[in-house]
Amino acid sequence: MALRVISERVMAAGKERNVTGLLRKMQQAAVLAPGYISSEAFKDNANDQKLLVISSWHSEADWKAWQASKDRVSVDAELKEFVAGPTEHRMLSLYKSPDTFLL
């Protein structure tokens, strides 16, 4: 079953280019990670400093292996200088119910 992970970061003012470059570096490493499917980055319309990355993984085990990987940990350490606070991660699974129609 596919897993979606929402990673939310708040950039420090004036550090957008640094964060964007490091997130690109992280994505390039993630593409090579077992279980990686895809990812997209979004900016919060109500808060220009808030970035959300939604990534898709084959399983929670794949995500956790990536989260603990040397490549991700290394880039995340570089990011800490340019973000205001810790990154928040939320794991989501597809909701399946035959009786529910969602918009």
Protein backbone atom coordinates (compact mmCIF):
# COMPACT_ATOMS: atom_id res chain seq x y z
CA MET A 1 0.00 0.00 0.00
CA ALA A 2 1.35 3.43 -0.94
CA LEU A 3 2.18 5.93 1.75
CA ARG A 4 2.15 9.72 1.48
CA VAL A 5 4.33 11.83 3.75
CA ILE A 6 3.76 15.54 4.27
CA SER A 7 6.93 17.28 5.41
CA GLU A 8 6.36 20.85 6.59
CA ARG A 9 9.14 23.38 7.03
CA VAL A 10 9.10 27.09 7.82
CA MET A 11 11.93 28.93 6.08
CA ALA A 12 13.84 31.64 7.86
CA ALA A 13 13.24 35.04 6.23
CA GLY A 14 15.54 35.67 3.30
CA LYS A 15 16.76 32.06 3.13
CA GLU A 16 14.38 30.81 0.42
CA ARG A 17 17.12 30.14 -2.17
CA ASN A 18 19.19 28.17 0.33
CA VAL A 19 16.21 26.03 1.30
CA THR A 20 15.11 25.47 -2.30
CA GLY A 21 18.58 24.32 -3.31
CA LEU A 22 18.88 21.94 -0.39
CA LEU A 23 15.40 20.49 -0.99
CA ARG A 24 16.39 19.87 -4.61
CA LYS A 25 19.53 18.09 -3.35
CA MET A 26 17.38 16.00 -1.00
CA GLN A 27 14.97 15.07 -3.79
CA GLN A 28 17.84 13.98 -6.04
CA ALA A 29 19.00 11.61 -3.31
CA ALA A 30 15.44 10.40 -2.54
CA VAL A 31 14.87 9.39 -6.17
CA LEU A 32 17.54 6.73 -5.68
CA ALA A 33 16.08 5.45 -2.39
CA PRO A 34 14.27 2.10 -2.39
CA GLY A 35 10.50 2.59 -2.34
CA TYR A 36 10.49 6.22 -3.48
CA ILE A 37 7.66 6.98 -5.95
CA SER A 38 7.44 10.77 -6.31
CA SER A 39 7.37 14.11 -4.54
CA GLU A 40 5.99 17.61 -5.02
CA ALA A 41 6.72 20.86 -3.20
CA PHE A 42 4.06 23.43 -2.29
CA LYS A 43 4.18 26.90 -0.80
CA ASP A 44 1.45 27.87 1.68
CA ASN A 45 -0.67 30.68 0.17
CA ALA A 46 -1.30 32.13 3.63
CA ASN A 47 2.36 32.03 4.72
CA ASP A 48 5.11 32.44 2.09
CA GLN A 49 7.71 31.07 4.49
CA LYS A 50 5.95 27.71 4.88
CA LEU A 51 6.87 24.90 2.50
CA LEU A 52 5.22 21.51 2.27
CA VAL A 53 6.69 18.56 0.44
CA ILE A 54 4.37 15.66 -0.27
CA SER A 55 6.26 12.50 -1.07
CA SER A 56 4.94 9.07 -2.04
CA TRP A 57 6.54 5.83 -0.91
CA HIS A 58 5.72 2.17 -1.46
CA SER A 59 5.60 1.50 2.29
CA GLU A 60 6.13 2.99 5.72
CA ALA A 61 9.27 0.86 6.04
CA ASP A 62 10.67 2.49 2.88
CA TRP A 63 9.95 5.98 4.27
CA LYS A 64 11.53 5.17 7.63
CA ALA A 65 14.63 3.76 5.92
CA TRP A 66 14.91 6.97 3.88
CA GLN A 67 14.33 9.12 6.96
CA ALA A 68 17.23 7.39 8.73
CA SER A 69 19.51 7.33 5.67
CA LYS A 70 22.87 9.07 5.70
CA ASP A 71 21.95 11.12 2.61
CA ARG A 72 18.74 12.53 4.10
CA VAL A 73 20.21 13.13 7.56
CA SER A 74 23.15 15.01 6.00
CA VAL A 75 20.97 17.37 3.94
CA ASP A 76 18.56 17.82 6.84
CA ALA A 77 21.48 18.96 9.02
CA GLU A 78 22.35 21.58 6.37
CA LEU A 79 18.72 22.73 6.25
CA LYS A 80 18.58 23.45 9.98
CA GLU A 81 20.57 26.63 9.45
CA PHE A 82 17.90 28.03 7.12
CA VAL A 83 14.61 26.98 8.71
CA ALA A 84 12.73 28.30 11.71
CA GLY A 85 12.08 25.26 13.85
CA PRO A 86 11.97 21.51 13.31
CA THR A 87 10.47 19.80 10.27
CA GLU A 88 7.09 18.22 10.93
CA HIS A 89 6.25 14.95 9.17
CA ARG A 90 2.80 13.40 8.81
CA MET A 91 2.28 9.95 7.29
CA LEU A 92 -0.94 9.34 5.40
CA SER A 93 -2.46 6.18 3.95
CA LEU A 94 -5.16 6.06 1.31
CA TYR A 95 -8.62 6.05 2.87
CA LYS A 96 -10.73 3.29 1.36
CA SER A 97 -14.37 2.92 2.20
CA PRO A 98 -16.98 1.55 -0.21
CA ASP A 99 -19.71 3.62 1.46
CA THR A 100 -17.97 6.99 1.29
CA PHE A 101 -17.64 9.43 -1.55
CA LEU A 102 -15.01 12.09 -0.97
CA LEU A 103 -14.52 15.33 -2.85
